[in-house]
Amino acid sequence: DRVRRILADHRDVEGACLPVLQAVQREFGYVPGAALPMIAAALRLSQADVHGVLSFYRDLRREPPARHVVQICQGE
């Protein structure tokens, strides 16, 4: 139900895949694998396309995060 609500909120957003994945992660702390088929169907994308976006962005998680998350900036 929570994923369906997120999808409904982004129904009219062009290029909604990334915003939907980000919203799902905010809701659950990660993007559950069970949500991918629903997201793909709602956005009329293949599951491979959605998985490609999910795996491309390092800030998106496919598993629940650990208790402590350490991030290190590797910029200049």
PDB file of N, CA and C in Angstrom:
ATOM      1  N   ASP A   1       0.813  -1.197   0.000  1.00  0.00           N
ATOM      2  CA  ASP A   1       0.000   0.000   0.000  1.00  0.00           C
ATOM      3  C   ASP A   1       0.858   1.263   0.000  1.00  0.00           C
ATOM      4  N   ARG A   2       1.966   1.228   0.741  1.00  0.00           N
ATOM      5  CA  ARG A   2       2.820   2.424   0.805  1.00  0.00           C
ATOM      6  C   ARG A   2       3.483   2.694  -0.537  1.00  0.00           C
ATOM      7  N   VAL A   3       3.881   1.638  -1.236  1.00  0.00           N
ATOM      8  CA  VAL A   3       4.490   1.823  -2.559  1.00  0.00           C
ATOM      9  C   VAL A   3       3.442   2.346  -3.539  1.00  0.00           C
ATOM     10  N   ARG A   4       2.232   1.827  -3.458  1.00  0.00           N
ATOM     11  CA  ARG A   4       1.161   2.302  -4.345  1.00  0.00           C
ATOM     12  C   ARG A   4       0.867   3.786  -4.113  1.00  0.00           C
ATOM     13  N   ARG A   5       0.904   4.210  -2.857  1.00  0.00           N
ATOM     14  CA  ARG A   5       0.681   5.625  -2.552  1.00  0.00           C
ATOM     15  C   ARG A   5       1.789   6.484  -3.154  1.00  0.00           C
ATOM     16  N   ILE A   6       3.022   6.022  -3.031  1.00  0.00           N
ATOM     17  CA  ILE A   6       4.153   6.757  -3.610  1.00  0.00           C
ATOM     18  C   ILE A   6       3.999   6.850  -5.120  1.00  0.00           C
ATOM     19  N   LEU A   7       3.623   5.748  -5.744  1.00  0.00           N
ATOM     20  CA  LEU A   7       3.426   5.747  -7.193  1.00  0.00           C
ATOM     21  C   LEU A   7       2.306   6.710  -7.592  1.00  0.00           C
ATOM     22  N   ALA A   8       1.250   6.742  -6.813  1.00  0.00           N
ATOM     23  CA  ALA A   8       0.142   7.665  -7.106  1.00  0.00           C
ATOM     24  C   ALA A   8       0.589   9.115  -6.978  1.00  0.00           C
ATOM     25  N   ASP A   9       1.447   9.389  -5.999  1.00  0.00           N
ATOM     26  CA  ASP A   9       1.949  10.758  -5.815  1.00  0.00           C
ATOM     27  C   ASP A   9       2.828  11.215  -6.970  1.00  0.00           C
ATOM     28  N   HIS A  10       3.451  10.266  -7.680  1.00  0.00           N
ATOM     29  CA  HIS A  10       4.361  10.599  -8.780  1.00  0.00           C
ATOM     30  C   HIS A  10       3.760  10.272 -10.148  1.00  0.00           C
ATOM     31  N   ARG A  11       2.472  10.059 -10.189  1.00  0.00           N
ATOM     32  CA  ARG A  11       1.798   9.619 -11.405  1.00  0.00           C
ATOM     33  C   ARG A  11       2.054  10.549 -12.600  1.00  0.00           C
ATOM     34  N   ASP A  12       2.056  11.848 -12.369  1.00  0.00           N
ATOM     35  CA  ASP A  12       2.181  12.804 -13.467  1.00  0.00           C
ATOM     36  C   ASP A  12       3.580  13.387 -13.611  1.00  0.00           C
ATOM     37  N   VAL A  13       4.542  12.822 -12.930  1.00  0.00           N
ATOM     38  CA  VAL A  13       5.916  13.325 -12.986  1.00  0.00           C
ATOM     39  C   VAL A  13       6.644  12.659 -14.149  1.00  0.00           C
ATOM     40  N   GLU A  14       7.176  13.478 -15.043  1.00  0.00           N
ATOM     41  CA  GLU A  14       7.945  12.931 -16.164  1.00  0.00           C
ATOM     42  C   GLU A  14       9.305  12.463 -15.642  1.00  0.00           C
ATOM     43  N   GLY A  15       9.744  11.298 -16.101  1.00  0.00           N
ATOM     44  CA  GLY A  15      11.017  10.753 -15.639  1.00  0.00           C
ATOM     45  C   GLY A  15      10.970  10.419 -14.161  1.00  0.00           C
ATOM     46  N   ALA A  16       9.890   9.780 -13.732  1.00  0.00           N
ATOM     47  CA  ALA A  16       9.623   9.574 -12.307  1.00  0.00           C
ATOM     48  C   ALA A  16      10.404   8.428 -11.679  1.00  0.00           C
ATOM     49  N   CYS A  17      11.156   7.670 -12.426  1.00  0.00           N
ATOM     50  CA  CYS A  17      11.804   6.490 -11.867  1.00  0.00           C
ATOM     51  C   CYS A  17      12.704   6.842 -10.677  1.00  0.00           C
ATOM     52  N   LEU A  18      13.609   7.749 -10.846  1.00  0.00           N
ATOM     53  CA  LEU A  18      14.510   8.110  -9.755  1.00  0.00           C
ATOM     54  C   LEU A  18      13.755   8.731  -8.578  1.00  0.00           C
ATOM     55  N   PRO A  19      12.855   9.696  -8.798  1.00  0.00           N
ATOM     56  CA  PRO A  19      12.109  10.227  -7.657  1.00  0.00           C
ATOM     57  C   PRO A  19      11.282   9.168  -6.916  1.00  0.00           C
ATOM     58  N   VAL A  20      10.734   8.207  -7.645  1.00  0.00           N
ATOM     59  CA  VAL A  20       9.970   7.132  -7.007  1.00  0.00           C
ATOM     60  C   VAL A  20      10.898   6.271  -6.166  1.00  0.00           C
ATOM     61  N   LEU A  21      12.040   5.886  -6.706  1.00  0.00           N
ATOM     62  CA  LEU A  21      12.984   5.065  -5.951  1.00  0.00           C
ATOM     63  C   LEU A  21      13.459   5.803  -4.696  1.00  0.00           C
ATOM     64  N   GLN A  22      13.702   7.094  -4.807  1.00  0.00           N
ATOM     65  CA  GLN A  22      14.128   7.876  -3.655  1.00  0.00           C
ATOM     66  C   GLN A  22      13.026   7.940  -2.597  1.00  0.00           C
ATOM     67  N   ALA A  23      11.786   8.103  -3.039  1.00  0.00           N
ATOM     68  CA  ALA A  23      10.666   8.162  -2.104  1.00  0.00           C
ATOM     69  C   ALA A  23      10.456   6.814  -1.413  1.00  0.00           C
ATOM     70  N   VAL A  24      10.599   5.726  -2.165  1.00  0.00           N
ATOM     71  CA  VAL A  24      10.468   4.394  -1.570  1.00  0.00           C
ATOM     72  C   VAL A  24      11.569   4.195  -0.529  1.00  0.00           C
ATOM     73  N   GLN A  25      12.772   4.634  -0.836  1.00  0.00           N
ATOM     74  CA  GLN A  25      13.866   4.485   0.122  1.00  0.00           C
ATOM     75  C   GLN A  25      13.620   5.331   1.373  1.00  0.00           C
ATOM     76  N   ARG A  26      13.078   6.519   1.209  1.00  0.00           N
ATOM     77  CA  ARG A  26      12.760   7.343   2.379  1.00  0.00           C
ATOM     78  C   ARG A  26      11.713   6.639   3.250  1.00  0.00           C
ATOM     79  N   GLU A  27      10.779   5.980   2.606  1.00  0.00           N
ATOM     80  CA  GLU A  27       9.699   5.304   3.333  1.00  0.00           C
ATOM     81  C   GLU A  27      10.181   4.062   4.078  1.00  0.00           C
ATOM     82  N   PHE A  28      11.021   3.243   3.433  1.00  0.00           N
ATOM     83  CA  PHE A  28      11.432   1.964   3.999  1.00  0.00           C
ATOM     84  C   PHE A  28      12.864   1.936   4.524  1.00  0.00           C
ATOM     85  N   GLY A  29      13.674   2.918   4.139  1.00  0.00           N
ATOM     86  CA  GLY A  29      15.091   2.889   4.487  1.00  0.00           C
ATOM     87  C   GLY A  29      15.928   2.223   3.410  1.00  0.00           C
ATOM     88  N   TYR A  30      15.278   1.574   2.467  1.00  0.00           N
ATOM     89  CA  TYR A  30      15.912   0.921   1.319  1.00  0.00           C
ATOM     90  C   TYR A  30      14.821   0.649   0.290  1.00  0.00           C
ATOM     91  N   VAL A  31      15.193   0.140  -0.874  1.00  0.00           N
ATOM     92  CA  VAL A  31      14.216  -0.194  -1.916  1.00  0.00           C
ATOM     93  C   VAL A  31      14.054  -1.714  -1.929  1.00  0.00           C
ATOM     94  N   PRO A  32      12.935  -2.213  -1.402  1.00  0.00           N
ATOM     95  CA  PRO A  32      12.732  -3.663  -1.378  1.00  0.00           C
ATOM     96  C   PRO A  32      12.605  -4.237  -2.786  1.00  0.00           C
ATOM     97  N   GLY A  33      13.166  -5.412  -2.994  1.00  0.00           N
ATOM     98  CA  GLY A  33      13.082  -6.061  -4.297  1.00  0.00           C
ATOM     99  C   GLY A  33      11.653  -6.308  -4.739  1.00  0.00           C
ATOM    100  N   ALA A  34      10.761  -6.538  -3.787  1.00  0.00           N
ATOM    101  CA  ALA A  34       9.355  -6.791  -4.119  1.00  0.00           C
ATOM    102  C   ALA A  34       8.672  -5.565  -4.717  1.00  0.00           C
ATOM    103  N   ALA A  35       9.250  -4.386  -4.504  1.00  0.00           N
ATOM    104  CA  ALA A  35       8.656  -3.162  -5.043  1.00  0.00           C
ATOM    105  C   ALA A  35       8.998  -2.951  -6.510  1.00  0.00           C
ATOM    106  N   LEU A  36      10.071  -3.572  -6.998  1.00  0.00           N
ATOM    107  CA  LEU A  36      10.519  -3.336  -8.378  1.00  0.00           C
ATOM    108  C   LEU A  36       9.461  -3.673  -9.420  1.00  0.00           C
ATOM    109  N   PRO A  37       8.780  -4.831  -9.357  1.00  0.00           N
ATOM    110  CA  PRO A  37       7.761  -5.110 -10.373  1.00  0.00           C
ATOM    111  C   PRO A  37       6.623  -4.093 -10.364  1.00  0.00           C
ATOM    112  N   MET A  38       6.212  -3.634  -9.185  1.00  0.00           N
ATOM    113  CA  MET A  38       5.148  -2.631  -9.102  1.00  0.00           C
ATOM    114  C   MET A  38       5.594  -1.310  -9.705  1.00  0.00           C
ATOM    115  N   ILE A  39       6.808  -0.910  -9.387  1.00  0.00           N
ATOM    116  CA  ILE A  39       7.338   0.351  -9.913  1.00  0.00           C
ATOM    117  C   ILE A  39       7.463   0.276 -11.430  1.00  0.00           C
ATOM    118  N   ALA A  40       8.013  -0.820 -11.923  1.00  0.00           N
ATOM    119  CA  ALA A  40       8.185  -0.982 -13.370  1.00  0.00           C
ATOM    120  C   ALA A  40       6.841  -0.945 -14.088  1.00  0.00           C
ATOM    121  N   ALA A  41       5.860  -1.658 -13.571  1.00  0.00           N
ATOM    122  CA  ALA A  41       4.549  -1.692 -14.220  1.00  0.00           C
ATOM    123  C   ALA A  41       3.891  -0.315 -14.214  1.00  0.00           C
ATOM    124  N   ALA A  42       3.976   0.381 -13.082  1.00  0.00           N
ATOM    125  CA  ALA A  42       3.339   1.691 -12.972  1.00  0.00           C
ATOM    126  C   ALA A  42       3.986   2.723 -13.886  1.00  0.00           C
ATOM    127  N   LEU A  43       5.296   2.614 -14.076  1.00  0.00           N
ATOM    128  CA  LEU A  43       6.017   3.589 -14.906  1.00  0.00           C
ATOM    129  C   LEU A  43       6.167   3.135 -16.353  1.00  0.00           C
ATOM    130  N   ARG A  44       5.610   1.953 -16.640  1.00  0.00           N
ATOM    131  CA  ARG A  44       5.694   1.362 -17.990  1.00  0.00           C
ATOM    132  C   ARG A  44       7.151   1.202 -18.431  1.00  0.00           C
ATOM    133  N   LEU A  45       7.941   0.668 -17.511  1.00  0.00           N
ATOM    134  CA  LEU A  45       9.345   0.363 -17.780  1.00  0.00           C
ATOM    135  C   LEU A  45       9.563  -1.118 -17.538  1.00  0.00           C
ATOM    136  N   SER A  46      10.656  -1.641 -18.052  1.00  0.00           N
ATOM    137  CA  SER A  46      10.993  -3.022 -17.731  1.00  0.00           C
ATOM    138  C   SER A  46      11.608  -3.057 -16.335  1.00  0.00           C
ATOM    139  N   GLN A  47      11.549  -4.216 -15.707  1.00  0.00           N
ATOM    140  CA  GLN A  47      12.186  -4.360 -14.406  1.00  0.00           C
ATOM    141  C   GLN A  47      13.687  -4.136 -14.518  1.00  0.00           C
ATOM    142  N   ALA A  48      14.256  -4.506 -15.668  1.00  0.00           N
ATOM    143  CA  ALA A  48      15.686  -4.291 -15.892  1.00  0.00           C
ATOM    144  C   ALA A  48      16.019  -2.800 -15.898  1.00  0.00           C
ATOM    145  N   ASP A  49      15.141  -1.987 -16.484  1.00  0.00           N
ATOM    146  CA  ASP A  49      15.370  -0.540 -16.498  1.00  0.00           C
ATOM    147  C   ASP A  49      15.354   0.021 -15.078  1.00  0.00           C
ATOM    148  N   VAL A  50      14.371  -0.395 -14.290  1.00  0.00           N
ATOM    149  CA  VAL A  50      14.267   0.093 -12.911  1.00  0.00           C
ATOM    150  C   VAL A  50      15.472  -0.390 -12.105  1.00  0.00           C
ATOM    151  N   HIS A  51      15.840  -1.638 -12.274  1.00  0.00           N
ATOM    152  CA  HIS A  51      17.004  -2.176 -11.566  1.00  0.00           C
ATOM    153  C   HIS A  51      18.272  -1.431 -11.994  1.00  0.00           C
ATOM    154  N   GLY A  52      18.367  -1.063 -13.264  1.00  0.00           N
ATOM    155  CA  GLY A  52      19.523  -0.312 -13.744  1.00  0.00           C
ATOM    156  C   GLY A  52      19.666   1.029 -13.045  1.00  0.00           C
ATOM    157  N   VAL A  53      18.556   1.727 -12.855  1.00  0.00           N
ATOM    158  CA  VAL A  53      18.590   3.009 -12.145  1.00  0.00           C
ATOM    159  C   VAL A  53      18.956   2.768 -10.685  1.00  0.00           C
ATOM    160  N   LEU A  54      18.349   1.752 -10.095  1.00  0.00           N
ATOM    161  CA  LEU A  54      18.610   1.431  -8.694  1.00  0.00           C
ATOM    162  C   LEU A  54      20.079   1.085  -8.451  1.00  0.00           C
ATOM    163  N   SER A  55      20.664   0.326  -9.341  1.00  0.00           N
ATOM    164  CA  SER A  55      22.048  -0.088  -9.138  1.00  0.00           C
ATOM    165  C   SER A  55      23.058   0.989  -9.564  1.00  0.00           C
ATOM    166  N   PHE A  56      22.641   1.947 -10.384  1.00  0.00           N
ATOM    167  CA  PHE A  56      23.547   2.994 -10.842  1.00  0.00           C
ATOM    168  C   PHE A  56      23.877   3.987  -9.730  1.00  0.00           C
ATOM    169  N   TYR A  57      22.874   4.368  -8.950  1.00  0.00           N
ATOM    170  CA  TYR A  57      23.066   5.403  -7.936  1.00  0.00           C
ATOM    171  C   TYR A  57      23.498   4.781  -6.614  1.00  0.00           C
ATOM    172  N   ARG A  58      24.670   5.184  -6.139  1.00  0.00           N
ATOM    173  CA  ARG A  58      25.242   4.602  -4.914  1.00  0.00           C
ATOM    174  C   ARG A  58      24.411   4.899  -3.678  1.00  0.00           C
ATOM    175  N   ASP A  59      23.681   5.994  -3.673  1.00  0.00           N
ATOM    176  CA  ASP A  59      22.903   6.360  -2.486  1.00  0.00           C
ATOM    177  C   ASP A  59      21.623   5.540  -2.343  1.00  0.00           C
ATOM    178  N   LEU A  60      21.247   4.816  -3.373  1.00  0.00           N
ATOM    179  CA  LEU A  60      20.072   3.954  -3.280  1.00  0.00           C
ATOM    180  C   LEU A  60      20.501   2.580  -2.788  1.00  0.00           C
ATOM    181  N   ARG A  61      19.785   2.073  -1.798  1.00  0.00           N
ATOM    182  CA  ARG A  61      20.126   0.790  -1.189  1.00  0.00           C
ATOM    183  C   ARG A  61      19.098  -0.268  -1.549  1.00  0.00           C
ATOM    184  N   ARG A  62      19.571  -1.486  -1.774  1.00  0.00           N
ATOM    185  CA  ARG A  62      18.689  -2.625  -2.052  1.00  0.00           C
ATOM    186  C   ARG A  62      18.479  -3.497  -0.824  1.00  0.00           C
ATOM    187  N   GLU A  63      19.173  -3.182   0.245  1.00  0.00           N
ATOM    188  CA  GLU A  63      19.059  -3.918   1.498  1.00  0.00           C
ATOM    189  C   GLU A  63      18.925  -2.903   2.629  1.00  0.00           C
ATOM    190  N   PRO A  64      18.335  -3.315   3.739  1.00  0.00           N
ATOM    191  CA  PRO A  64      18.249  -2.385   4.874  1.00  0.00           C
ATOM    192  C   PRO A  64      19.645  -1.931   5.284  1.00  0.00           C
ATOM    193  N   PRO A  65      19.771  -0.654   5.644  1.00  0.00           N
ATOM    194  CA  PRO A  65      21.087  -0.153   6.035  1.00  0.00           C
ATOM    195  C   PRO A  65      21.515  -0.728   7.383  1.00  0.00           C
ATOM    196  N   ALA A  66      22.809  -0.721   7.604  1.00  0.00           N
ATOM    197  CA  ALA A  66      23.356  -1.129   8.899  1.00  0.00           C
ATOM    198  C   ALA A  66      22.970  -0.080   9.946  1.00  0.00           C
ATOM    199  N   ARG A  67      23.223  -0.395  11.165  1.00  0.00           N
ATOM    200  CA  ARG A  67      22.875   0.538  12.240  1.00  0.00           C
ATOM    201  C   ARG A  67      23.597   1.871  12.071  1.00  0.00           C
ATOM    202  N   HIS A  68      24.855   1.818  11.672  1.00  0.00           N
ATOM    203  CA  HIS A  68      25.651   3.029  11.442  1.00  0.00           C
ATOM    204  C   HIS A  68      26.123   3.018   9.997  1.00  0.00           C
ATOM    205  N   VAL A  69      25.972   4.139   9.325  1.00  0.00           N
ATOM    206  CA  VAL A  69      26.408   4.265   7.944  1.00  0.00           C
ATOM    207  C   VAL A  69      27.496   5.322   7.886  1.00  0.00           C
ATOM    208  N   VAL A  70      28.652   4.963   7.365  1.00  0.00           N
ATOM    209  CA  VAL A  70      29.764   5.892   7.243  1.00  0.00           C
ATOM    210  C   VAL A  70      29.928   6.219   5.768  1.00  0.00           C
ATOM    211  N   GLN A  71      29.939   7.501   5.457  1.00  0.00           N
ATOM    212  CA  GLN A  71      30.158   7.942   4.087  1.00  0.00           C
ATOM    213  C   GLN A  71      31.415   8.812   4.052  1.00  0.00           C
ATOM    214  N   ILE A  72      32.249   8.579   3.069  1.00  0.00           N
ATOM    215  CA  ILE A  72      33.497   9.323   2.940  1.00  0.00           C
ATOM    216  C   ILE A  72      33.483  10.025   1.592  1.00  0.00           C
ATOM    217  N   CYS A  73      33.724  11.322   1.614  1.00  0.00           N
ATOM    218  CA  CYS A  73      33.802  12.101   0.376  1.00  0.00           C
ATOM    219  C   CYS A  73      35.159  11.821  -0.261  1.00  0.00           C
ATOM    220  N   GLN A  74      35.142  11.435  -1.508  1.00  0.00           N
ATOM    221  CA  GLN A  74      36.392  11.166  -2.221  1.00  0.00           C
ATOM    222  C   GLN A  74      36.690  12.254  -3.245  1.00  0.00           C
ATOM    223  N   GLY A  75      36.086  13.412  -3.036  1.00  0.00           N
ATOM    224  CA  GLY A  75      36.354  14.545  -3.924  1.00  0.00           C
ATOM    225  C   GLY A  75      37.732  15.107  -3.664  1.00  0.00           C
ATOM    226  N   GLU A  76      38.036  16.165  -4.323  1.00  0.00           N
ATOM    227  CA  GLU A  76      39.373  16.763  -4.212  1.00  0.00           C
ATOM    228  C   GLU A  76      39.809  17.025  -2.848  1.00  0.00           C
TER     229      GLU A  76
END
